[in-house]
Amino acid sequence: VRDYLHVVDLAKGHVAAVKRAVQSPCVEAINLGTGEGVSVLQMIEAF
C-alpha cells in the first residue's frame, strides 16, 4: 500500500512552496501526499 499523488498536484505544491519561500525565512520539511493508501491490486482495478 502506497500514497499515490497526482503529478499536477505535486507541481502545484512547488508553486505554493515558492510563494512561501518569498514570505519570510524558514527551513521546513513538508510532506506532499494525499494521506490515503492504495494497494497494488486496487491500482490495477482502478486503471
ModelCIF file with pLDDT and N, C-alpha, C, O atoms, coordinates in Angstrom:
data_MODEL
#
_entry.id   MODEL 
#
_entity.id                         1 
_entity.type                       polymer 
_entity.pdbx_number_of_molecules   1 
#
_entity_poly.entity_id                      1 
_entity_poly.type                           'polypeptide(L)' 
_entity_poly.nstd_linkage                   no 
_entity_poly.nstd_monomer                   no 
_entity_poly.pdbx_seq_one_letter_code       VRDYLHVVDLAKGHVAAVKRAVQSPCVEAINLGTGEGVSVLQMIEAF 
_entity_poly.pdbx_seq_one_letter_code_can   VRDYLHVVDLAKGHVAAVKRAVQSPCVEAINLGTGEGVSVLQMIEAF 
_entity_poly.pdbx_strand_id                 A 
#
loop_
_entity_poly_seq.entity_id 
_entity_poly_seq.num 
_entity_poly_seq.mon_id 
_entity_poly_seq.hetero 
1 1  VAL n 
1 2  ARG n 
1 3  ASP n 
1 4  TYR n 
1 5  LEU n 
1 6  HIS n 
1 7  VAL n 
1 8  VAL n 
1 9  ASP n 
1 10 LEU n 
1 11 ALA n 
1 12 LYS n 
1 13 GLY n 
1 14 HIS n 
1 15 VAL n 
1 16 ALA n 
1 17 ALA n 
1 18 VAL n 
1 19 LYS n 
1 20 ARG n 
1 21 ALA n 
1 22 VAL n 
1 23 GLN n 
1 24 SER n 
1 25 PRO n 
1 26 CYS n 
1 27 VAL n 
1 28 GLU n 
1 29 ALA n 
1 30 ILE n 
1 31 ASN n 
1 32 LEU n 
1 33 GLY n 
1 34 THR n 
1 35 GLY n 
1 36 GLU n 
1 37 GLY n 
1 38 VAL n 
1 39 SER n 
1 40 VAL n 
1 41 LEU n 
1 42 GLN n 
1 43 MET n 
1 44 ILE n 
1 45 GLU n 
1 46 ALA n 
1 47 PHE n 
#
_struct_asym.id          A 
_struct_asym.entity_id   1 
#
loop_
_ma_qa_metric.id 
_ma_qa_metric.mode 
_ma_qa_metric.name 
_ma_qa_metric.software_group_id 
_ma_qa_metric.type 
1 global pLDDT . pLDDT 
2 local  pLDDT . pLDDT 
#
_ma_qa_metric_global.metric_id      1 
_ma_qa_metric_global.metric_value   97.43 
_ma_qa_metric_global.model_id       1 
_ma_qa_metric_global.ordinal_id     1 
#
loop_
_ma_qa_metric_local.label_asym_id 
_ma_qa_metric_local.label_comp_id 
_ma_qa_metric_local.label_seq_id 
_ma_qa_metric_local.metric_id 
_ma_qa_metric_local.metric_value 
_ma_qa_metric_local.model_id 
_ma_qa_metric_local.ordinal_id 
A VAL 1  2 98.00 1 1  
A ARG 2  2 98.00 1 2  
A ASP 3  2 98.00 1 3  
A TYR 4  2 98.00 1 4  
A LEU 5  2 98.00 1 5  
A HIS 6  2 98.00 1 6  
A VAL 7  2 98.00 1 7  
A VAL 8  2 98.00 1 8  
A ASP 9  2 98.00 1 9  
A LEU 10 2 98.00 1 10 
A ALA 11 2 98.00 1 11 
A LYS 12 2 98.00 1 12 
A GLY 13 2 98.00 1 13 
A HIS 14 2 98.00 1 14 
A VAL 15 2 98.00 1 15 
A ALA 16 2 98.00 1 16 
A ALA 17 2 98.00 1 17 
A VAL 18 2 98.00 1 18 
A LYS 19 2 98.00 1 19 
A ARG 20 2 98.00 1 20 
A ALA 21 2 97.00 1 21 
A VAL 22 2 95.00 1 22 
A GLN 23 2 94.00 1 23 
A SER 24 2 91.00 1 24 
A PRO 25 2 93.00 1 25 
A CYS 26 2 94.00 1 26 
A VAL 27 2 97.00 1 27 
A GLU 28 2 98.00 1 28 
A ALA 29 2 98.00 1 29 
A ILE 30 2 98.00 1 30 
A ASN 31 2 98.00 1 31 
A LEU 32 2 98.00 1 32 
A GLY 33 2 98.00 1 33 
A THR 34 2 98.00 1 34 
A GLY 35 2 98.00 1 35 
A GLU 36 2 97.00 1 36 
A GLY 37 2 97.00 1 37 
A VAL 38 2 98.00 1 38 
A SER 39 2 98.00 1 39 
A VAL 40 2 98.00 1 40 
A LEU 41 2 98.00 1 41 
A GLN 42 2 98.00 1 42 
A MET 43 2 98.00 1 43 
A ILE 44 2 98.00 1 44 
A GLU 45 2 98.00 1 45 
A ALA 46 2 98.00 1 46 
A PHE 47 2 98.00 1 47 
#
loop_
_atom_site.group_PDB 
_atom_site.id 
_atom_site.type_symbol 
_atom_site.label_atom_id 
_atom_site.label_alt_id 
_atom_site.label_comp_id 
_atom_site.label_asym_id 
_atom_site.label_entity_id 
_atom_site.label_seq_id 
_atom_site.pdbx_PDB_ins_code 
_atom_site.Cartn_x 
_atom_site.Cartn_y 
_atom_site.Cartn_z 
_atom_site.occupancy 
_atom_site.B_iso_or_equiv 
_atom_site.pdbx_formal_charge 
_atom_site.auth_seq_id 
_atom_site.auth_comp_id 
_atom_site.auth_asym_id 
_atom_site.auth_atom_id 
_atom_site.pdbx_PDB_model_num 
ATOM 1   N N  . VAL A 1 1  ? 0.850  -1.194 0.000   1.00 98.00 ? 1  VAL A N  1 
ATOM 2   C CA . VAL A 1 1  ? 0.000  0.000  0.000   1.00 98.00 ? 1  VAL A CA 1 
ATOM 3   C C  . VAL A 1 1  ? 0.883  1.240  0.000   1.00 98.00 ? 1  VAL A C  1 
ATOM 4   O O  . VAL A 1 1  ? 1.808  1.354  0.804   1.00 98.00 ? 1  VAL A O  1 
ATOM 5   N N  . ARG A 1 2  ? 0.587  2.185  -0.922  1.00 98.00 ? 2  ARG A N  1 
ATOM 6   C CA . ARG A 1 2  ? 1.360  3.416  -1.034  1.00 98.00 ? 2  ARG A CA 1 
ATOM 7   C C  . ARG A 1 2  ? 0.442  4.625  -1.185  1.00 98.00 ? 2  ARG A C  1 
ATOM 8   O O  . ARG A 1 2  ? -0.739 4.498  -1.510  1.00 98.00 ? 2  ARG A O  1 
ATOM 9   N N  . ASP A 1 3  ? 1.013  5.785  -0.943  1.00 98.00 ? 3  ASP A N  1 
ATOM 10  C CA . ASP A 1 3  ? 0.301  7.062  -1.069  1.00 98.00 ? 3  ASP A CA 1 
ATOM 11  C C  . ASP A 1 3  ? 0.628  7.630  -2.453  1.00 98.00 ? 3  ASP A C  1 
ATOM 12  O O  . ASP A 1 3  ? 1.719  8.155  -2.674  1.00 98.00 ? 3  ASP A O  1 
ATOM 13  N N  . TYR A 1 4  ? -0.319 7.519  -3.373  1.00 98.00 ? 4  TYR A N  1 
ATOM 14  C CA . TYR A 1 4  ? -0.109 7.991  -4.749  1.00 98.00 ? 4  TYR A CA 1 
ATOM 15  C C  . TYR A 1 4  ? -0.670 9.395  -4.915  1.00 98.00 ? 4  TYR A C  1 
ATOM 16  O O  . TYR A 1 4  ? -1.784 9.692  -4.484  1.00 98.00 ? 4  TYR A O  1 
ATOM 17  N N  . LEU A 1 5  ? 0.124  10.253 -5.547  1.00 98.00 ? 5  LEU A N  1 
ATOM 18  C CA . LEU A 1 5  ? -0.170 11.679 -5.663  1.00 98.00 ? 5  LEU A CA 1 
ATOM 19  C C  . LEU A 1 5  ? -0.100 12.091 -7.121  1.00 98.00 ? 5  LEU A C  1 
ATOM 20  O O  . LEU A 1 5  ? 0.866  11.765 -7.810  1.00 98.00 ? 5  LEU A O  1 
ATOM 21  N N  . HIS A 1 6  ? -1.111 12.805 -7.602  1.00 98.00 ? 6  HIS A N  1 
ATOM 22  C CA . HIS A 1 6  ? -1.091 13.263 -8.994  1.00 98.00 ? 6  HIS A CA 1 
ATOM 23  C C  . HIS A 1 6  ? 0.044  14.259 -9.199  1.00 98.00 ? 6  HIS A C  1 
ATOM 24  O O  . HIS A 1 6  ? 0.244  15.159 -8.384  1.00 98.00 ? 6  HIS A O  1 
ATOM 25  N N  . VAL A 1 7  ? 0.783  14.092 -10.290 1.00 98.00 ? 7  VAL A N  1 
ATOM 26  C CA . VAL A 1 7  ? 1.953  14.934 -10.540 1.00 98.00 ? 7  VAL A CA 1 
ATOM 27  C C  . VAL A 1 7  ? 1.577  16.407 -10.697 1.00 98.00 ? 7  VAL A C  1 
ATOM 28  O O  . VAL A 1 7  ? 2.384  17.281 -10.377 1.00 98.00 ? 7  VAL A O  1 
ATOM 29  N N  . VAL A 1 8  ? 0.385  16.695 -11.177 1.00 98.00 ? 8  VAL A N  1 
ATOM 30  C CA . VAL A 1 8  ? -0.030 18.098 -11.294 1.00 98.00 ? 8  VAL A CA 1 
ATOM 31  C C  . VAL A 1 8  ? -0.272 18.691 -9.911  1.00 98.00 ? 8  VAL A C  1 
ATOM 32  O O  . VAL A 1 8  ? 0.087  19.844 -9.669  1.00 98.00 ? 8  VAL A O  1 
ATOM 33  N N  . ASP A 1 9  ? -0.870 17.931 -9.002  1.00 98.00 ? 9  ASP A N  1 
ATOM 34  C CA . ASP A 1 9  ? -0.981 18.396 -7.618  1.00 98.00 ? 9  ASP A CA 1 
ATOM 35  C C  . ASP A 1 9  ? 0.403  18.643 -7.030  1.00 98.00 ? 9  ASP A C  1 
ATOM 36  O O  . ASP A 1 9  ? 0.628  19.639 -6.343  1.00 98.00 ? 9  ASP A O  1 
ATOM 37  N N  . LEU A 1 10 ? 1.326  17.728 -7.305  1.00 98.00 ? 10 LEU A N  1 
ATOM 38  C CA . LEU A 1 10 ? 2.690  17.882 -6.796  1.00 98.00 ? 10 LEU A CA 1 
ATOM 39  C C  . LEU A 1 10 ? 3.336  19.141 -7.362  1.00 98.00 ? 10 LEU A C  1 
ATOM 40  O O  . LEU A 1 10 ? 3.996  19.883 -6.634  1.00 98.00 ? 10 LEU A O  1 
ATOM 41  N N  . ALA A 1 11 ? 3.149  19.382 -8.650  1.00 98.00 ? 11 ALA A N  1 
ATOM 42  C CA . ALA A 1 11 ? 3.709  20.586 -9.276  1.00 98.00 ? 11 ALA A CA 1 
ATOM 43  C C  . ALA A 1 11 ? 3.139  21.845 -8.632  1.00 98.00 ? 11 ALA A C  1 
ATOM 44  O O  . ALA A 1 11 ? 3.864  22.811 -8.393  1.00 98.00 ? 11 ALA A O  1 
ATOM 45  N N  . LYS A 1 12 ? 1.850  21.830 -8.357  1.00 98.00 ? 12 LYS A N  1 
ATOM 46  C CA . LYS A 1 12 ? 1.228  22.985 -7.702  1.00 98.00 ? 12 LYS A CA 1 
ATOM 47  C C  . LYS A 1 12 ? 1.784  23.172 -6.290  1.00 98.00 ? 12 LYS A C  1 
ATOM 48  O O  . LYS A 1 12 ? 1.850  24.294 -5.789  1.00 98.00 ? 12 LYS A O  1 
ATOM 49  N N  . GLY A 1 13 ? 2.184  22.068 -5.651  1.00 98.00 ? 13 GLY A N  1 
ATOM 50  C CA . GLY A 1 13 ? 2.836  22.182 -4.355  1.00 98.00 ? 13 GLY A CA 1 
ATOM 51  C C  . GLY A 1 13 ? 4.142  22.948 -4.421  1.00 98.00 ? 13 GLY A C  1 
ATOM 52  O O  . GLY A 1 13 ? 4.499  23.649 -3.474  1.00 98.00 ? 13 GLY A O  1 
ATOM 53  N N  . HIS A 1 14 ? 4.860  22.823 -5.532  1.00 98.00 ? 14 HIS A N  1 
ATOM 54  C CA . HIS A 1 14 ? 6.106  23.569 -5.695  1.00 98.00 ? 14 HIS A CA 1 
ATOM 55  C C  . HIS A 1 14 ? 5.846  25.059 -5.892  1.00 98.00 ? 14 HIS A C  1 
ATOM 56  O O  . HIS A 1 14 ? 6.593  25.896 -5.386  1.00 98.00 ? 14 HIS A O  1 
ATOM 57  N N  . VAL A 1 15 ? 4.796  25.384 -6.622  1.00 98.00 ? 15 VAL A N  1 
ATOM 58  C CA . VAL A 1 15 ? 4.435  26.799 -6.756  1.00 98.00 ? 15 VAL A CA 1 
ATOM 59  C C  . VAL A 1 15 ? 4.083  27.373 -5.392  1.00 98.00 ? 15 VAL A C  1 
ATOM 60  O O  . VAL A 1 15 ? 4.488  28.487 -5.060  1.00 98.00 ? 15 VAL A O  1 
ATOM 61  N N  . ALA A 1 16 ? 3.333  26.617 -4.602  1.00 98.00 ? 16 ALA A N  1 
ATOM 62  C CA . ALA A 1 16 ? 2.989  27.069 -3.247  1.00 98.00 ? 16 ALA A CA 1 
ATOM 63  C C  . ALA A 1 16 ? 4.241  27.229 -2.396  1.00 98.00 ? 16 ALA A C  1 
ATOM 64  O O  . ALA A 1 16 ? 4.317  28.142 -1.574  1.00 98.00 ? 16 ALA A O  1 
ATOM 65  N N  . ALA A 1 17 ? 5.230  26.345 -2.584  1.00 98.00 ? 17 ALA A N  1 
ATOM 66  C CA . ALA A 1 17 ? 6.477  26.438 -1.814  1.00 98.00 ? 17 ALA A CA 1 
ATOM 67  C C  . ALA A 1 17 ? 7.267  27.680 -2.206  1.00 98.00 ? 17 ALA A C  1 
ATOM 68  O O  . ALA A 1 17 ? 7.856  28.331 -1.343  1.00 98.00 ? 17 ALA A O  1 
ATOM 69  N N  . VAL A 1 18 ? 7.289  28.019 -3.493  1.00 98.00 ? 18 VAL A N  1 
ATOM 70  C CA . VAL A 1 18 ? 7.968  29.252 -3.926  1.00 98.00 ? 18 VAL A CA 1 
ATOM 71  C C  . VAL A 1 18 ? 7.309  30.458 -3.264  1.00 98.00 ? 18 VAL A C  1 
ATOM 72  O O  . VAL A 1 18 ? 7.999  31.345 -2.761  1.00 98.00 ? 18 VAL A O  1 
ATOM 73  N N  . LYS A 1 19 ? 6.000  30.494 -3.261  1.00 98.00 ? 19 LYS A N  1 
ATOM 74  C CA . LYS A 1 19 ? 5.287  31.622 -2.654  1.00 98.00 ? 19 LYS A CA 1 
ATOM 75  C C  . LYS A 1 19 ? 5.594  31.712 -1.163  1.00 98.00 ? 19 LYS A C  1 
ATOM 76  O O  . LYS A 1 19 ? 5.738  32.809 -0.624  1.00 98.00 ? 19 LYS A O  1 
ATOM 77  N N  . ARG A 1 20 ? 5.695  30.565 -0.496  1.00 98.00 ? 20 ARG A N  1 
ATOM 78  C CA . ARG A 1 20 ? 6.011  30.571 0.945   1.00 98.00 ? 20 ARG A CA 1 
ATOM 79  C C  . ARG A 1 20 ? 7.448  31.016 1.180   1.00 98.00 ? 20 ARG A C  1 
ATOM 80  O O  . ARG A 1 20 ? 7.727  31.739 2.137   1.00 98.00 ? 20 ARG A O  1 
ATOM 81  N N  . ALA A 1 21 ? 8.356  30.592 0.317   1.00 97.00 ? 21 ALA A N  1 
ATOM 82  C CA . ALA A 1 21 ? 9.766  30.954 0.483   1.00 97.00 ? 21 ALA A CA 1 
ATOM 83  C C  . ALA A 1 21 ? 9.981  32.452 0.399   1.00 97.00 ? 21 ALA A C  1 
ATOM 84  O O  . ALA A 1 21 ? 10.896 32.989 1.024   1.00 97.00 ? 21 ALA A O  1 
ATOM 85  N N  . VAL A 1 22 ? 9.141  33.126 -0.370  1.00 95.00 ? 22 VAL A N  1 
ATOM 86  C CA . VAL A 1 22 ? 9.280  34.572 -0.540  1.00 95.00 ? 22 VAL A CA 1 
ATOM 87  C C  . VAL A 1 22 ? 8.787  35.334 0.689   1.00 95.00 ? 22 VAL A C  1 
ATOM 88  O O  . VAL A 1 22 ? 9.234  36.453 0.942   1.00 95.00 ? 22 VAL A O  1 
ATOM 89  N N  . GLN A 1 23 ? 7.889  34.750 1.439   1.00 94.00 ? 23 GLN A N  1 
ATOM 90  C CA . GLN A 1 23 ? 7.242  35.472 2.538   1.00 94.00 ? 23 GLN A CA 1 
ATOM 91  C C  . GLN A 1 23 ? 8.213  35.830 3.656   1.00 94.00 ? 23 GLN A C  1 
ATOM 92  O O  . GLN A 1 23 ? 8.277  36.982 4.084   1.00 94.00 ? 23 GLN A O  1 
ATOM 93  N N  . SER A 1 24 ? 8.970  34.836 4.129   1.00 91.00 ? 24 SER A N  1 
ATOM 94  C CA . SER A 1 24 ? 9.897  35.066 5.240   1.00 91.00 ? 24 SER A CA 1 
ATOM 95  C C  . SER A 1 24 ? 10.846 33.875 5.330   1.00 91.00 ? 24 SER A C  1 
ATOM 96  O O  . SER A 1 24 ? 10.509 32.786 4.866   1.00 91.00 ? 24 SER A O  1 
ATOM 97  N N  . PRO A 1 25 ? 12.025 34.061 5.919   1.00 93.00 ? 25 PRO A N  1 
ATOM 98  C CA . PRO A 1 25 ? 12.983 32.956 6.016   1.00 93.00 ? 25 PRO A CA 1 
ATOM 99  C C  . PRO A 1 25 ? 12.411 31.790 6.822   1.00 93.00 ? 25 PRO A C  1 
ATOM 100 O O  . PRO A 1 25 ? 11.734 31.988 7.831   1.00 93.00 ? 25 PRO A O  1 
ATOM 101 N N  . CYS A 1 26 ? 12.693 30.589 6.366   1.00 94.00 ? 26 CYS A N  1 
ATOM 102 C CA . CYS A 1 26 ? 12.261 29.397 7.086   1.00 94.00 ? 26 CYS A CA 1 
ATOM 103 C C  . CYS A 1 26 ? 13.051 28.209 6.561   1.00 94.00 ? 26 CYS A C  1 
ATOM 104 O O  . CYS A 1 26 ? 13.547 28.238 5.435   1.00 94.00 ? 26 CYS A O  1 
ATOM 105 N N  . VAL A 1 27 ? 13.168 27.177 7.365   1.00 97.00 ? 27 VAL A N  1 
ATOM 106 C CA . VAL A 1 27 ? 13.735 25.903 6.925   1.00 97.00 ? 27 VAL A CA 1 
ATOM 107 C C  . VAL A 1 27 ? 12.773 24.829 7.412   1.00 97.00 ? 27 VAL A C  1 
ATOM 108 O O  . VAL A 1 27 ? 12.706 24.541 8.607   1.00 97.00 ? 27 VAL A O  1 
ATOM 109 N N  . GLU A 1 28 ? 12.025 24.236 6.478   1.00 98.00 ? 28 GLU A N  1 
ATOM 110 C CA . GLU A 1 28 ? 10.968 23.310 6.859   1.00 98.00 ? 28 GLU A CA 1 
ATOM 111 C C  . GLU A 1 28 ? 10.923 22.108 5.930   1.00 98.00 ? 28 GLU A C  1 
ATOM 112 O O  . GLU A 1 28 ? 11.032 22.247 4.712   1.00 98.00 ? 28 GLU A O  1 
ATOM 113 N N  . ALA A 1 29 ? 10.761 20.925 6.518   1.00 98.00 ? 29 ALA A N  1 
ATOM 114 C CA . ALA A 1 29 ? 10.446 19.713 5.762   1.00 98.00 ? 29 ALA A CA 1 
ATOM 115 C C  . ALA A 1 29 ? 8.931  19.571 5.718   1.00 98.00 ? 29 ALA A C  1 
ATOM 116 O O  . ALA A 1 29 ? 8.254  19.745 6.732   1.00 98.00 ? 29 ALA A O  1 
ATOM 117 N N  . ILE A 1 30 ? 8.401  19.253 4.537   1.00 98.00 ? 30 ILE A N  1 
ATOM 118 C CA . ILE A 1 30 ? 6.953  19.184 4.362   1.00 98.00 ? 30 ILE A CA 1 
ATOM 119 C C  . ILE A 1 30 ? 6.613  17.978 3.492   1.00 98.00 ? 30 ILE A C  1 
ATOM 120 O O  . ILE A 1 30 ? 7.142  17.821 2.392   1.00 98.00 ? 30 ILE A O  1 
ATOM 121 N N  . ASN A 1 31 ? 5.728  17.137 3.998   1.00 98.00 ? 31 ASN A N  1 
ATOM 122 C CA . ASN A 1 31 ? 5.235  16.001 3.222   1.00 98.00 ? 31 ASN A CA 1 
ATOM 123 C C  . ASN A 1 31 ? 4.278  16.471 2.133   1.00 98.00 ? 31 ASN A C  1 
ATOM 124 O O  . ASN A 1 31 ? 3.427  17.328 2.374   1.00 98.00 ? 31 ASN A O  1 
ATOM 125 N N  . LEU A 1 32 ? 4.418  15.911 0.941   1.00 98.00 ? 32 LEU A N  1 
ATOM 126 C CA . LEU A 1 32 ? 3.439  16.113 -0.119  1.00 98.00 ? 32 LEU A CA 1 
ATOM 127 C C  . LEU A 1 32 ? 2.865  14.746 -0.486  1.00 98.00 ? 32 LEU A C  1 
ATOM 128 O O  . LEU A 1 32 ? 3.515  13.933 -1.143  1.00 98.00 ? 32 LEU A O  1 
ATOM 129 N N  . GLY A 1 33 ? 1.648  14.522 -0.051  1.00 98.00 ? 33 GLY A N  1 
ATOM 130 C CA . GLY A 1 33 ? 0.942  13.273 -0.313  1.00 98.00 ? 33 GLY A CA 1 
ATOM 131 C C  . GLY A 1 33 ? -0.542 13.500 -0.130  1.00 98.00 ? 33 GLY A C  1 
ATOM 132 O O  . GLY A 1 33 ? -0.974 14.606 0.195   1.00 98.00 ? 33 GLY A O  1 
ATOM 133 N N  . THR A 1 34 ? -1.325 12.453 -0.339  1.00 98.00 ? 34 THR A N  1 
ATOM 134 C CA . THR A 1 34 ? -2.776 12.583 -0.196  1.00 98.00 ? 34 THR A CA 1 
ATOM 135 C C  . THR A 1 34 ? -3.247 12.232 1.208   1.00 98.00 ? 34 THR A C  1 
ATOM 136 O O  . THR A 1 34 ? -4.313 12.665 1.645   1.00 98.00 ? 34 THR A O  1 
ATOM 137 N N  . GLY A 1 35 ? -2.433 11.434 1.915   1.00 98.00 ? 35 GLY A N  1 
ATOM 138 C CA . GLY A 1 35 ? -2.863 10.946 3.218   1.00 98.00 ? 35 GLY A CA 1 
ATOM 139 C C  . GLY A 1 35 ? -3.700 9.689  3.133   1.00 98.00 ? 35 GLY A C  1 
ATOM 140 O O  . GLY A 1 35 ? -4.275 9.259  4.133   1.00 98.00 ? 35 GLY A O  1 
ATOM 141 N N  . GLU A 1 36 ? -3.779 9.087  1.947   1.00 97.00 ? 36 GLU A N  1 
ATOM 142 C CA . GLU A 1 36 ? -4.553 7.860  1.763   1.00 97.00 ? 36 GLU A CA 1 
ATOM 143 C C  . GLU A 1 36 ? -3.698 6.806  1.075   1.00 97.00 ? 36 GLU A C  1 
ATOM 144 O O  . GLU A 1 36 ? -2.915 7.125  0.180   1.00 97.00 ? 36 GLU A O  1 
ATOM 145 N N  . GLY A 1 37 ? -3.844 5.563  1.486   1.00 97.00 ? 37 GLY A N  1 
ATOM 146 C CA . GLY A 1 37 ? -3.091 4.471  0.893   1.00 97.00 ? 37 GLY A CA 1 
ATOM 147 C C  . GLY A 1 37 ? -3.904 3.713  -0.142  1.00 97.00 ? 37 GLY A C  1 
ATOM 148 O O  . GLY A 1 37 ? -5.109 3.516  0.017   1.00 97.00 ? 37 GLY A O  1 
ATOM 149 N N  . VAL A 1 38 ? -3.230 3.289  -1.206  1.00 98.00 ? 38 VAL A N  1 
ATOM 150 C CA . VAL A 1 38 ? -3.848 2.497  -2.275  1.00 98.00 ? 38 VAL A CA 1 
ATOM 151 C C  . VAL A 1 38 ? -2.964 1.274  -2.502  1.00 98.00 ? 38 VAL A C  1 
ATOM 152 O O  . VAL A 1 38 ? -1.746 1.405  -2.623  1.00 98.00 ? 38 VAL A O  1 
ATOM 153 N N  . SER A 1 39 ? -3.567 0.084  -2.561  1.00 98.00 ? 39 SER A N  1 
ATOM 154 C CA . SER A 1 39 ? -2.784 -1.131 -2.777  1.00 98.00 ? 39 SER A CA 1 
ATOM 155 C C  . SER A 1 39 ? -2.500 -1.336 -4.260  1.00 98.00 ? 39 SER A C  1 
ATOM 156 O O  . SER A 1 39 ? -3.101 -0.689 -5.118  1.00 98.00 ? 39 SER A O  1 
ATOM 157 N N  . VAL A 1 40 ? -1.580 -2.240 -4.543  1.00 98.00 ? 40 VAL A N  1 
ATOM 158 C CA . VAL A 1 40 ? -1.247 -2.554 -5.936  1.00 98.00 ? 40 VAL A CA 1 
ATOM 159 C C  . VAL A 1 40 ? -2.476 -3.074 -6.673  1.00 98.00 ? 40 VAL A C  1 
ATOM 160 O O  . VAL A 1 40 ? -2.754 -2.648 -7.794  1.00 98.00 ? 40 VAL A O  1 
ATOM 161 N N  . LEU A 1 41 ? -3.207 -3.989 -6.054  1.00 98.00 ? 41 LEU A N  1 
ATOM 162 C CA . LEU A 1 41 ? -4.388 -4.547 -6.723  1.00 98.00 ? 41 LEU A CA 1 
ATOM 163 C C  . LEU A 1 41 ? -5.486 -3.496 -6.883  1.00 98.00 ? 41 LEU A C  1 
ATOM 164 O O  . LEU A 1 41 ? -6.204 -3.507 -7.884  1.00 98.00 ? 41 LEU A O  1 
ATOM 165 N N  . GLN A 1 42 ? -5.626 -2.605 -5.934  1.00 98.00 ? 42 GLN A N  1 
ATOM 166 C CA . GLN A 1 42 ? -6.594 -1.514 -6.085  1.00 98.00 ? 42 GLN A CA 1 
ATOM 167 C C  . GLN A 1 42 ? -6.219 -0.609 -7.255  1.00 98.00 ? 42 GLN A C  1 
ATOM 168 O O  . GLN A 1 42 ? -7.090 -0.148 -7.991  1.00 98.00 ? 42 GLN A O  1 
ATOM 169 N N  . MET A 1 43 ? -4.928 -0.355 -7.424  1.00 98.00 ? 43 MET A N  1 
ATOM 170 C CA . MET A 1 43 ? -4.481 0.475  -8.535  1.00 98.00 ? 43 MET A CA 1 
ATOM 171 C C  . MET A 1 43 ? -4.764 -0.225 -9.865  1.00 98.00 ? 43 MET A C  1 
ATOM 172 O O  . MET A 1 43 ? -5.216 0.414  -10.815 1.00 98.00 ? 43 MET A O  1 
ATOM 173 N N  . ILE A 1 44 ? -4.506 -1.518 -9.940  1.00 98.00 ? 44 ILE A N  1 
ATOM 174 C CA . ILE A 1 44 ? -4.796 -2.264 -11.163 1.00 98.00 ? 44 ILE A CA 1 
ATOM 175 C C  . ILE A 1 44 ? -6.275 -2.177 -11.503 1.00 98.00 ? 44 ILE A C  1 
ATOM 176 O O  . ILE A 1 44 ? -6.637 -1.925 -12.652 1.00 98.00 ? 44 ILE A O  1 
ATOM 177 N N  . GLU A 1 45 ? -7.132 -2.385 -10.506 1.00 98.00 ? 45 GLU A N  1 
ATOM 178 C CA . GLU A 1 45 ? -8.570 -2.342 -10.751 1.00 98.00 ? 45 GLU A CA 1 
ATOM 179 C C  . GLU A 1 45 ? -9.030 -0.952 -11.165 1.00 98.00 ? 45 GLU A C  1 
ATOM 180 O O  . GLU A 1 45 ? -9.887 -0.822 -12.039 1.00 98.00 ? 45 GLU A O  1 
ATOM 181 N N  . ALA A 1 46 ? -8.474 0.087  -10.552 1.00 98.00 ? 46 ALA A N  1 
ATOM 182 C CA . ALA A 1 46 ? -8.845 1.459  -10.916 1.00 98.00 ? 46 ALA A CA 1 
ATOM 183 C C  . ALA A 1 46 ? -8.452 1.747  -12.358 1.00 98.00 ? 46 ALA A C  1 
ATOM 184 O O  . ALA A 1 46 ? -9.217 2.358  -13.104 1.00 98.00 ? 46 ALA A O  1 
ATOM 185 N N  . PHE A 1 47 ? -7.268 1.311  -12.749 1.00 98.00 ? 47 PHE A N  1 
ATOM 186 C CA . PHE A 1 47 ? -6.811 1.563  -14.118 1.00 98.00 ? 47 PHE A CA 1 
ATOM 187 C C  . PHE A 1 47 ? -7.664 0.801  -15.125 1.00 98.00 ? 47 PHE A C  1 
ATOM 188 O O  . PHE A 1 47 ? -7.426 0.892  -16.329 1.00 98.00 ? 47 PHE A O  1 
#
